């Protein structure tokens, strides 16, 4: 298949999930999507021992993901020793959002709930994300899945959300057509995918192997009246790509990934 046809097919698959959303207004209400909007409040001392969980949960996550995989970065690992169990809503953040007044039993139920668990490399789990909420940190990939999981977990445990976090989550959720977990194919390079920018009205298709060799196809576009893509002039380049283009949302073309639907 020619590069032009590959990109055209990929963009056709992508078109339904490209949403040019209006800027989300500041939230004035005291609730958001069923959650109380309130500042974080540490009403009792936090102890990680109150939020213990069984280490065998990692095996369950590996089985669910089909391998040792991090949804945040699309990375595959050859050993689970190279990843951490990651709490999507961090334990200390949940503590400050309502569990500070809960029993130790309720805290441990939260800590071991698969709804709130995934895998991440230690650098992400312990440093880059750590106990940050969505206003302070978002994953590179699977943002719709991530934002929806945060909402589901907070609803389940009746946790509050602060205003900045609610606005950050709403900005993502308002543009999502589905919340499936995207499993990045293991034989694709770490930057492979479709990148879309509403601000510059351009789509990029990057095909990369693990040695860094790259084919990059770009297509400027205008959204049509029904949301379809109206293409402009194609351009093509073959060069080494060191990092993802700034200001672009990343997706994958149909047929190169696995979607794990969200549980009801």
C-alpha atoms as a PDB file:
ATOM      1  CA  UNK A   1       0.000   0.000   0.000  1.00  0.00           C
ATOM      2  CA  UNK A   2       1.405   3.407  -0.914  1.00  0.00           C
ATOM      3  CA  UNK A   3       2.256   5.939   1.827  1.00  0.00           C
ATOM      4  CA  UNK A   4      -0.621   8.137   0.630  1.00  0.00           C
ATOM      5  CA  UNK A   5      -3.138   5.318   0.887  1.00  0.00           C
ATOM      6  CA  UNK A   6      -1.803   4.292   4.310  1.00  0.00           C
ATOM      7  CA  UNK A   7      -2.280   7.800   5.675  1.00  0.00           C
ATOM      8  CA  UNK A   8      -5.669   8.238   4.001  1.00  0.00           C
ATOM      9  CA  UNK A   9      -6.876   4.939   5.505  1.00  0.00           C
ATOM     10  CA  UNK A  10      -5.479   5.886   8.905  1.00  0.00           C
ATOM     11  CA  UNK A  11      -7.099   9.312   8.864  1.00  0.00           C
ATOM     12  CA  UNK A  12     -10.442   7.829   7.824  1.00  0.00           C
ATOM     13  CA  UNK A  13     -10.231   5.530  10.828  1.00  0.00           C
ATOM     14  CA  UNK A  14      -9.244   8.459  13.001  1.00  0.00           C
ATOM     15  CA  UNK A  15     -11.856  10.950  11.810  1.00  0.00           C
ATOM     16  CA  UNK A  16     -14.627   9.943  14.250  1.00  0.00           C
ATOM     17  CA  UNK A  17     -12.396  10.651  17.252  1.00  0.00           C
ATOM     18  CA  UNK A  18     -11.066  14.023  16.166  1.00  0.00           C
ATOM     19  CA  UNK A  19     -13.071  16.573  18.069  1.00  0.00           C
ATOM     20  CA  UNK A  20     -12.464  20.293  17.923  1.00  0.00           C
ATOM     21  CA  UNK A  21     -13.890  21.186  21.311  1.00  0.00           C
ATOM     22  CA  UNK A  22     -14.568  24.647  22.609  1.00  0.00           C
ATOM     23  CA  UNK A  23     -12.479  25.892  25.490  1.00  0.00           C
ATOM     24  CA  UNK A  24     -13.865  24.470  28.715  1.00  0.00           C
ATOM     25  CA  UNK A  25     -15.226  27.280  30.913  1.00  0.00           C
ATOM     26  CA  UNK A  26     -14.218  27.530  34.520  1.00  0.00           C
ATOM     27  CA  UNK A  27     -16.372  25.354  36.718  1.00  0.00           C
ATOM     28  CA  UNK A  28     -18.578  27.422  38.989  1.00  0.00           C
ATOM     29  CA  UNK A  29     -20.722  24.599  40.385  1.00  0.00           C
ATOM     30  CA  UNK A  30     -20.008  22.681  43.565  1.00  0.00           C
ATOM     31  CA  UNK A  31     -20.362  19.302  41.834  1.00  0.00           C
ATOM     32  CA  UNK A  32     -18.886  17.910  38.632  1.00  0.00           C
ATOM     33  CA  UNK A  33     -20.146  14.717  36.970  1.00  0.00           C
ATOM     34  CA  UNK A  34     -21.490  13.521  40.303  1.00  0.00           C
ATOM     35  CA  UNK A  35     -18.395  14.426  42.333  1.00  0.00           C
ATOM     36  CA  UNK A  36     -18.101  17.098  44.995  1.00  0.00           C
ATOM     37  CA  UNK A  37     -15.777  19.907  43.898  1.00  0.00           C
ATOM     38  CA  UNK A  38     -13.667  20.810  46.928  1.00  0.00           C
ATOM     39  CA  UNK A  39     -10.029  21.490  47.827  1.00  0.00           C
ATOM     40  CA  UNK A  40      -7.962  18.545  49.000  1.00  0.00           C
ATOM     41  CA  UNK A  41      -8.066  18.189  52.774  1.00  0.00           C
ATOM     42  CA  UNK A  42      -5.874  15.949  54.948  1.00  0.00           C
ATOM     43  CA  UNK A  43      -8.275  15.403  57.839  1.00  0.00           C
ATOM     44  CA  UNK A  44      -6.052  12.724  59.386  1.00  0.00           C
ATOM     45  CA  UNK A  45      -2.425  11.653  59.060  1.00  0.00           C
ATOM     46  CA  UNK A  46      -1.545   9.611  55.975  1.00  0.00           C
ATOM     47  CA  UNK A  47       0.191   6.248  56.361  1.00  0.00           C
ATOM     48  CA  UNK A  48       0.966   4.019  53.387  1.00  0.00           C
ATOM     49  CA  UNK A  49       0.517   1.042  55.718  1.00  0.00           C
ATOM     50  CA  UNK A  50      -3.195   1.805  55.850  1.00  0.00           C
ATOM     51  CA  UNK A  51      -3.264   1.376  52.057  1.00  0.00           C
ATOM     52  CA  UNK A  52      -1.473  -1.946  51.722  1.00  0.00           C
ATOM     53  CA  UNK A  53      -2.306  -4.422  48.941  1.00  0.00           C
ATOM     54  CA  UNK A  54      -1.180  -7.884  47.874  1.00  0.00           C
ATOM     55  CA  UNK A  55       1.818  -7.976  45.526  1.00  0.00           C
ATOM     56  CA  UNK A  56       0.242 -10.812  43.495  1.00  0.00           C
ATOM     57  CA  UNK A  57      -2.072  -8.196  41.966  1.00  0.00           C
ATOM     58  CA  UNK A  58       0.776  -7.533  39.538  1.00  0.00           C
ATOM     59  CA  UNK A  59       0.264 -10.977  37.988  1.00  0.00           C
ATOM     60  CA  UNK A  60      -3.417 -10.154  37.473  1.00  0.00           C
ATOM     61  CA  UNK A  61      -2.497  -6.912  35.701  1.00  0.00           C
ATOM     62  CA  UNK A  62       0.019  -8.668  33.437  1.00  0.00           C
ATOM     63  CA  UNK A  63      -2.639 -11.215  32.458  1.00  0.00           C
ATOM     64  CA  UNK A  64      -5.213  -8.506  31.766  1.00  0.00           C
ATOM     65  CA  UNK A  65      -2.810  -6.432  29.640  1.00  0.00           C
ATOM     66  CA  UNK A  66      -1.436  -9.428  27.748  1.00  0.00           C
ATOM     67  CA  UNK A  67       2.098  -8.844  28.996  1.00  0.00           C
ATOM     68  CA  UNK A  68       4.211  -6.477  31.046  1.00  0.00           C
ATOM     69  CA  UNK A  69       2.932  -3.272  29.489  1.00  0.00           C
ATOM     70  CA  UNK A  70       2.512   0.336  30.609  1.00  0.00           C
ATOM     71  CA  UNK A  71      -0.611   2.061  29.198  1.00  0.00           C
ATOM     72  CA  UNK A  72       0.849   5.466  30.078  1.00  0.00           C
ATOM     73  CA  UNK A  73       3.818   5.217  27.691  1.00  0.00           C
ATOM     74  CA  UNK A  74       3.076   2.258  25.395  1.00  0.00           C
ATOM     75  CA  UNK A  75       6.215   0.476  26.599  1.00  0.00           C
ATOM     76  CA  UNK A  76       6.612  -3.304  26.851  1.00  0.00           C
ATOM     77  CA  UNK A  77       9.018  -4.787  29.404  1.00  0.00           C
ATOM     78  CA  UNK A  78      10.670  -8.203  29.476  1.00  0.00           C
ATOM     79  CA  UNK A  79      10.121  -8.618  33.213  1.00  0.00           C
ATOM     80  CA  UNK A  80       7.559  -7.422  35.740  1.00  0.00           C
ATOM     81  CA  UNK A  81      10.538  -6.586  37.960  1.00  0.00           C
ATOM     82  CA  UNK A  82      10.954  -3.528  35.725  1.00  0.00           C
ATOM     83  CA  UNK A  83       7.501  -2.115  36.539  1.00  0.00           C
ATOM     84  CA  UNK A  84       5.523  -1.021  39.572  1.00  0.00           C
ATOM     85  CA  UNK A  85       1.891  -1.498  40.471  1.00  0.00           C
ATOM     86  CA  UNK A  86       0.522   1.959  39.759  1.00  0.00           C
ATOM     87  CA  UNK A  87      -2.530   3.492  41.447  1.00  0.00           C
ATOM     88  CA  UNK A  88      -4.348   5.605  38.846  1.00  0.00           C
ATOM     89  CA  UNK A  89      -5.766   7.749  41.645  1.00  0.00           C
ATOM     90  CA  UNK A  90      -2.778   7.896  43.976  1.00  0.00           C
ATOM     91  CA  UNK A  91      -3.326   6.600  47.484  1.00  0.00           C
ATOM     92  CA  UNK A  92      -2.298   9.834  49.198  1.00  0.00           C
ATOM     93  CA  UNK A  93      -4.418  11.862  46.771  1.00  0.00           C
ATOM     94  CA  UNK A  94      -7.411   9.659  47.577  1.00  0.00           C
ATOM     95  CA  UNK A  95      -6.656  10.094  51.276  1.00  0.00           C
ATOM     96  CA  UNK A  96      -6.828  13.878  50.877  1.00  0.00           C
ATOM     97  CA  UNK A  97      -9.995  13.575  48.761  1.00  0.00           C
ATOM     98  CA  UNK A  98     -12.114  11.763  51.336  1.00  0.00           C
ATOM     99  CA  UNK A  99     -10.525   8.523  52.526  1.00  0.00           C
ATOM    100  CA  UNK A 100      -8.845  10.363  55.402  1.00  0.00           C
ATOM    101  CA  UNK A 101     -12.144   9.862  57.256  1.00  0.00           C
ATOM    102  CA  UNK A 102     -12.606   6.230  56.147  1.00  0.00           C
ATOM    103  CA  UNK A 103     -11.749   3.047  58.022  1.00  0.00           C
ATOM    104  CA  UNK A 104      -8.511   1.158  57.415  1.00  0.00           C
ATOM    105  CA  UNK A 105     -10.597  -1.617  55.832  1.00  0.00           C
ATOM    106  CA  UNK A 106     -12.061   0.848  53.318  1.00  0.00           C
ATOM    107  CA  UNK A 107      -8.611   2.243  52.556  1.00  0.00           C
ATOM    108  CA  UNK A 108      -7.231  -1.226  51.853  1.00  0.00           C
ATOM    109  CA  UNK A 109     -10.202  -2.066  49.662  1.00  0.00           C
ATOM    110  CA  UNK A 110      -9.369   1.034  47.612  1.00  0.00           C
ATOM    111  CA  UNK A 111      -5.656   0.188  47.475  1.00  0.00           C
ATOM    112  CA  UNK A 112      -6.312  -3.296  46.070  1.00  0.00           C
ATOM    113  CA  UNK A 113      -9.147  -2.462  43.691  1.00  0.00           C
ATOM    114  CA  UNK A 114      -8.211  -3.500  40.098  1.00  0.00           C
ATOM    115  CA  UNK A 115     -10.346  -0.621  38.798  1.00  0.00           C
ATOM    116  CA  UNK A 116      -7.655   1.737  40.073  1.00  0.00           C
ATOM    117  CA  UNK A 117      -4.570  -0.292  39.154  1.00  0.00           C
ATOM    118  CA  UNK A 118      -2.256  -0.532  36.168  1.00  0.00           C
ATOM    119  CA  UNK A 119       1.480  -0.954  35.503  1.00  0.00           C
ATOM    120  CA  UNK A 120       4.073   1.788  35.091  1.00  0.00           C
ATOM    121  CA  UNK A 121       7.831   2.100  35.024  1.00  0.00           C
ATOM    122  CA  UNK A 122       9.294   3.166  38.389  1.00  0.00           C
ATOM    123  CA  UNK A 123      10.310   6.583  37.066  1.00  0.00           C
ATOM    124  CA  UNK A 124       6.698   7.401  36.240  1.00  0.00           C
ATOM    125  CA  UNK A 125       5.141   5.791  39.293  1.00  0.00           C
ATOM    126  CA  UNK A 126       7.547   7.153  41.893  1.00  0.00           C
ATOM    127  CA  UNK A 127       8.632  10.461  40.373  1.00  0.00           C
ATOM    128  CA  UNK A 128       6.888  11.932  37.335  1.00  0.00           C
ATOM    129  CA  UNK A 129       3.351  11.009  38.416  1.00  0.00           C
ATOM    130  CA  UNK A 130       3.772   9.966  42.039  1.00  0.00           C
ATOM    131  CA  UNK A 131       0.825  11.441  43.996  1.00  0.00           C
ATOM    132  CA  UNK A 132      -0.127  14.081  41.417  1.00  0.00           C
ATOM    133  CA  UNK A 133      -3.697  14.503  40.168  1.00  0.00           C
ATOM    134  CA  UNK A 134      -4.825  15.154  36.589  1.00  0.00           C
ATOM    135  CA  UNK A 135      -4.254  18.906  36.883  1.00  0.00           C
ATOM    136  CA  UNK A 136      -0.587  18.238  37.616  1.00  0.00           C
ATOM    137  CA  UNK A 137       0.190  15.205  35.431  1.00  0.00           C
ATOM    138  CA  UNK A 138      -1.338  13.375  32.478  1.00  0.00           C
ATOM    139  CA  UNK A 139      -0.059  10.264  30.675  1.00  0.00           C
ATOM    140  CA  UNK A 140       1.450  10.476  27.217  1.00  0.00           C
ATOM    141  CA  UNK A 141      -1.005   7.856  25.923  1.00  0.00           C
ATOM    142  CA  UNK A 142      -4.507   6.650  26.829  1.00  0.00           C
ATOM    143  CA  UNK A 143      -5.698   9.949  28.245  1.00  0.00           C
ATOM    144  CA  UNK A 144      -9.382   9.193  27.606  1.00  0.00           C
ATOM    145  CA  UNK A 145      -9.057   5.855  29.395  1.00  0.00           C
ATOM    146  CA  UNK A 146      -7.100   7.481  32.216  1.00  0.00           C
ATOM    147  CA  UNK A 147      -9.527  10.373  32.758  1.00  0.00           C
ATOM    148  CA  UNK A 148     -12.505   8.022  32.692  1.00  0.00           C
ATOM    149  CA  UNK A 149     -10.848   5.691  35.206  1.00  0.00           C
ATOM    150  CA  UNK A 150     -10.164   8.602  37.560  1.00  0.00           C
ATOM    151  CA  UNK A 151     -13.833   9.569  37.340  1.00  0.00           C
ATOM    152  CA  UNK A 152     -15.018   5.972  37.889  1.00  0.00           C
ATOM    153  CA  UNK A 153     -12.757   5.434  40.879  1.00  0.00           C
ATOM    154  CA  UNK A 154     -13.713   8.712  42.523  1.00  0.00           C
ATOM    155  CA  UNK A 155     -17.400   7.995  42.015  1.00  0.00           C
ATOM    156  CA  UNK A 156     -17.054   4.483  43.447  1.00  0.00           C
ATOM    157  CA  UNK A 157     -15.325   5.705  46.614  1.00  0.00           C
ATOM    158  CA  UNK A 158     -17.193   9.036  46.836  1.00  0.00           C
ATOM    159  CA  UNK A 159     -13.997  11.064  46.608  1.00  0.00           C
ATOM    160  CA  UNK A 160     -13.945  14.779  45.944  1.00  0.00           C
ATOM    161  CA  UNK A 161     -12.223  16.517  43.047  1.00  0.00           C
ATOM    162  CA  UNK A 162     -10.593  19.926  43.239  1.00  0.00           C
ATOM    163  CA  UNK A 163     -11.489  22.598  40.705  1.00  0.00           C
ATOM    164  CA  UNK A 164      -8.268  22.444  38.667  1.00  0.00           C
ATOM    165  CA  UNK A 165      -8.469  18.661  38.481  1.00  0.00           C
ATOM    166  CA  UNK A 166     -12.105  18.772  37.365  1.00  0.00           C
ATOM    167  CA  UNK A 167     -11.276  21.240  34.603  1.00  0.00           C
ATOM    168  CA  UNK A 168      -8.319  19.138  33.412  1.00  0.00           C
ATOM    169  CA  UNK A 169     -10.438  15.983  33.332  1.00  0.00           C
ATOM    170  CA  UNK A 170     -13.364  17.707  31.626  1.00  0.00           C
ATOM    171  CA  UNK A 171     -11.072  19.068  28.910  1.00  0.00           C
ATOM    172  CA  UNK A 172     -10.159  15.460  28.076  1.00  0.00           C
ATOM    173  CA  UNK A 173     -13.509  13.728  28.569  1.00  0.00           C
ATOM    174  CA  UNK A 174     -15.404  16.278  26.472  1.00  0.00           C
ATOM    175  CA  UNK A 175     -13.430  15.188  23.400  1.00  0.00           C
ATOM    176  CA  UNK A 176     -13.537  11.404  23.930  1.00  0.00           C
ATOM    177  CA  UNK A 177     -15.616   9.100  21.734  1.00  0.00           C
ATOM    178  CA  UNK A 178     -14.673   5.962  23.707  1.00  0.00           C
ATOM    179  CA  UNK A 179     -12.661   5.051  26.776  1.00  0.00           C
ATOM    180  CA  UNK A 180     -11.046   1.780  25.723  1.00  0.00           C
ATOM    181  CA  UNK A 181      -7.494   1.064  26.817  1.00  0.00           C
ATOM    182  CA  UNK A 182      -5.179   1.150  23.795  1.00  0.00           C
ATOM    183  CA  UNK A 183      -2.432  -1.480  23.882  1.00  0.00           C
ATOM    184  CA  UNK A 184       0.439  -0.242  21.731  1.00  0.00           C
ATOM    185  CA  UNK A 185       1.738  -3.054  19.473  1.00  0.00           C
ATOM    186  CA  UNK A 186       5.089  -4.392  20.725  1.00  0.00           C
ATOM    187  CA  UNK A 187       6.732  -4.408  17.285  1.00  0.00           C
ATOM    188  CA  UNK A 188       6.194  -0.691  16.670  1.00  0.00           C
ATOM    189  CA  UNK A 189       8.736   1.955  17.562  1.00  0.00           C
ATOM    190  CA  UNK A 190       8.035   4.100  20.614  1.00  0.00           C
ATOM    191  CA  UNK A 191       6.980   7.089  18.499  1.00  0.00           C
ATOM    192  CA  UNK A 192       4.845   5.254  15.923  1.00  0.00           C
ATOM    193  CA  UNK A 193       1.312   6.540  15.583  1.00  0.00           C
ATOM    194  CA  UNK A 194      -0.927   9.250  14.242  1.00  0.00           C
ATOM    195  CA  UNK A 195      -0.484  12.719  15.669  1.00  0.00           C
ATOM    196  CA  UNK A 196      -3.218  15.312  15.280  1.00  0.00           C
ATOM    197  CA  UNK A 197      -3.051  19.009  16.086  1.00  0.00           C
ATOM    198  CA  UNK A 198      -6.194  21.135  16.027  1.00  0.00           C
ATOM    199  CA  UNK A 199      -4.188  24.325  16.535  1.00  0.00           C
ATOM    200  CA  UNK A 200      -2.154  23.971  13.327  1.00  0.00           C
ATOM    201  CA  UNK A 201      -4.746  21.793  11.544  1.00  0.00           C
ATOM    202  CA  UNK A 202      -2.301  19.078  10.586  1.00  0.00           C
ATOM    203  CA  UNK A 203      -2.136  15.308  10.893  1.00  0.00           C
ATOM    204  CA  UNK A 204       1.135  13.369  10.974  1.00  0.00           C
ATOM    205  CA  UNK A 205       1.621   9.645  10.434  1.00  0.00           C
ATOM    206  CA  UNK A 206       4.894   8.428  11.912  1.00  0.00           C
ATOM    207  CA  UNK A 207       6.064   4.871  11.266  1.00  0.00           C
ATOM    208  CA  UNK A 208       9.174   4.055  13.274  1.00  0.00           C
ATOM    209  CA  UNK A 209      11.119   0.932  14.096  1.00  0.00           C
ATOM    210  CA  UNK A 210      13.106   0.399  17.269  1.00  0.00           C
ATOM    211  CA  UNK A 211      16.317   1.524  15.574  1.00  0.00           C
ATOM    212  CA  UNK A 212      14.860   4.991  15.056  1.00  0.00           C
ATOM    213  CA  UNK A 213      14.430   4.891  11.276  1.00  0.00           C
ATOM    214  CA  UNK A 214      11.315   6.880  10.480  1.00  0.00           C
ATOM    215  CA  UNK A 215       8.885   7.609   7.680  1.00  0.00           C
ATOM    216  CA  UNK A 216       6.821  10.712   8.347  1.00  0.00           C
ATOM    217  CA  UNK A 217       3.790  11.721   6.265  1.00  0.00           C
ATOM    218  CA  UNK A 218       1.982  14.977   6.968  1.00  0.00           C
ATOM    219  CA  UNK A 219      -1.350  16.286   5.764  1.00  0.00           C
ATOM    220  CA  UNK A 220      -2.795  19.720   6.519  1.00  0.00           C
ATOM    221  CA  UNK A 221      -6.573  19.588   6.820  1.00  0.00           C
ATOM    222  CA  UNK A 222      -9.724  21.572   7.450  1.00  0.00           C
ATOM    223  CA  UNK A 223     -12.698  20.083   9.308  1.00  0.00           C
ATOM    224  CA  UNK A 224     -15.788  19.733   7.121  1.00  0.00           C
ATOM    225  CA  UNK A 225     -19.349  20.569   8.183  1.00  0.00           C
ATOM    226  CA  UNK A 226     -19.940  17.035   9.508  1.00  0.00           C
ATOM    227  CA  UNK A 227     -16.551  16.653  11.148  1.00  0.00           C
ATOM    228  CA  UNK A 228     -14.932  14.941   8.163  1.00  0.00           C
ATOM    229  CA  UNK A 229     -11.357  15.760   7.146  1.00  0.00           C
ATOM    230  CA  UNK A 230     -10.866  17.889   4.061  1.00  0.00           C
ATOM    231  CA  UNK A 231      -7.227  17.271   3.041  1.00  0.00           C
ATOM    232  CA  UNK A 232      -4.777  19.747   1.611  1.00  0.00           C
ATOM    233  CA  UNK A 233      -1.386  18.977   0.020  1.00  0.00           C
ATOM    234  CA  UNK A 234       0.625  15.912   1.067  1.00  0.00           C
ATOM    235  CA  UNK A 235       4.239  16.086   2.185  1.00  0.00           C
ATOM    236  CA  UNK A 236       6.679  13.270   2.905  1.00  0.00           C
ATOM    237  CA  UNK A 237       9.983  12.883   4.703  1.00  0.00           C
ATOM    238  CA  UNK A 238      12.223  10.043   5.866  1.00  0.00           C
ATOM    239  CA  UNK A 239      14.417  11.010   8.785  1.00  0.00           C
ATOM    240  CA  UNK A 240      15.282   9.982  12.300  1.00  0.00           C
ATOM    241  CA  UNK A 241      12.760  11.228  14.876  1.00  0.00           C
ATOM    242  CA  UNK A 242      14.033  11.703  18.425  1.00  0.00           C
ATOM    243  CA  UNK A 243      10.851  12.857  20.162  1.00  0.00           C
ATOM    244  CA  UNK A 244       7.111  13.193  19.630  1.00  0.00           C
ATOM    245  CA  UNK A 245       5.937  16.426  17.975  1.00  0.00           C
ATOM    246  CA  UNK A 246       4.954  18.994  20.587  1.00  0.00           C
ATOM    247  CA  UNK A 247       1.318  20.065  20.798  1.00  0.00           C
ATOM    248  CA  UNK A 248      -0.099  16.961  19.090  1.00  0.00           C
ATOM    249  CA  UNK A 249      -2.472  14.289  20.405  1.00  0.00           C
ATOM    250  CA  UNK A 250      -1.309  10.737  19.624  1.00  0.00           C
ATOM    251  CA  UNK A 251      -3.509   7.972  18.224  1.00  0.00           C
ATOM    252  CA  UNK A 252      -2.942   4.729  16.309  1.00  0.00           C
ATOM    253  CA  UNK A 253      -4.313   3.572  12.948  1.00  0.00           C
ATOM    254  CA  UNK A 254      -6.914   0.815  12.866  1.00  0.00           C
ATOM    255  CA  UNK A 255      -5.481  -2.689  12.766  1.00  0.00           C
ATOM    256  CA  UNK A 256      -2.218  -1.984  14.616  1.00  0.00           C
ATOM    257  CA  UNK A 257      -3.394  -2.041  18.214  1.00  0.00           C
ATOM    258  CA  UNK A 258      -5.558  -3.837  20.736  1.00  0.00           C
ATOM    259  CA  UNK A 259      -8.489  -2.110  22.427  1.00  0.00           C
ATOM    260  CA  UNK A 260      -9.487  -3.341  25.873  1.00  0.00           C
ATOM    261  CA  UNK A 261     -13.070  -2.112  26.453  1.00  0.00           C
ATOM    262  CA  UNK A 262     -13.902  -0.522  29.765  1.00  0.00           C
ATOM    263  CA  UNK A 263     -16.000  -2.605  32.186  1.00  0.00           C
ATOM    264  CA  UNK A 264     -19.534  -1.368  32.745  1.00  0.00           C
END
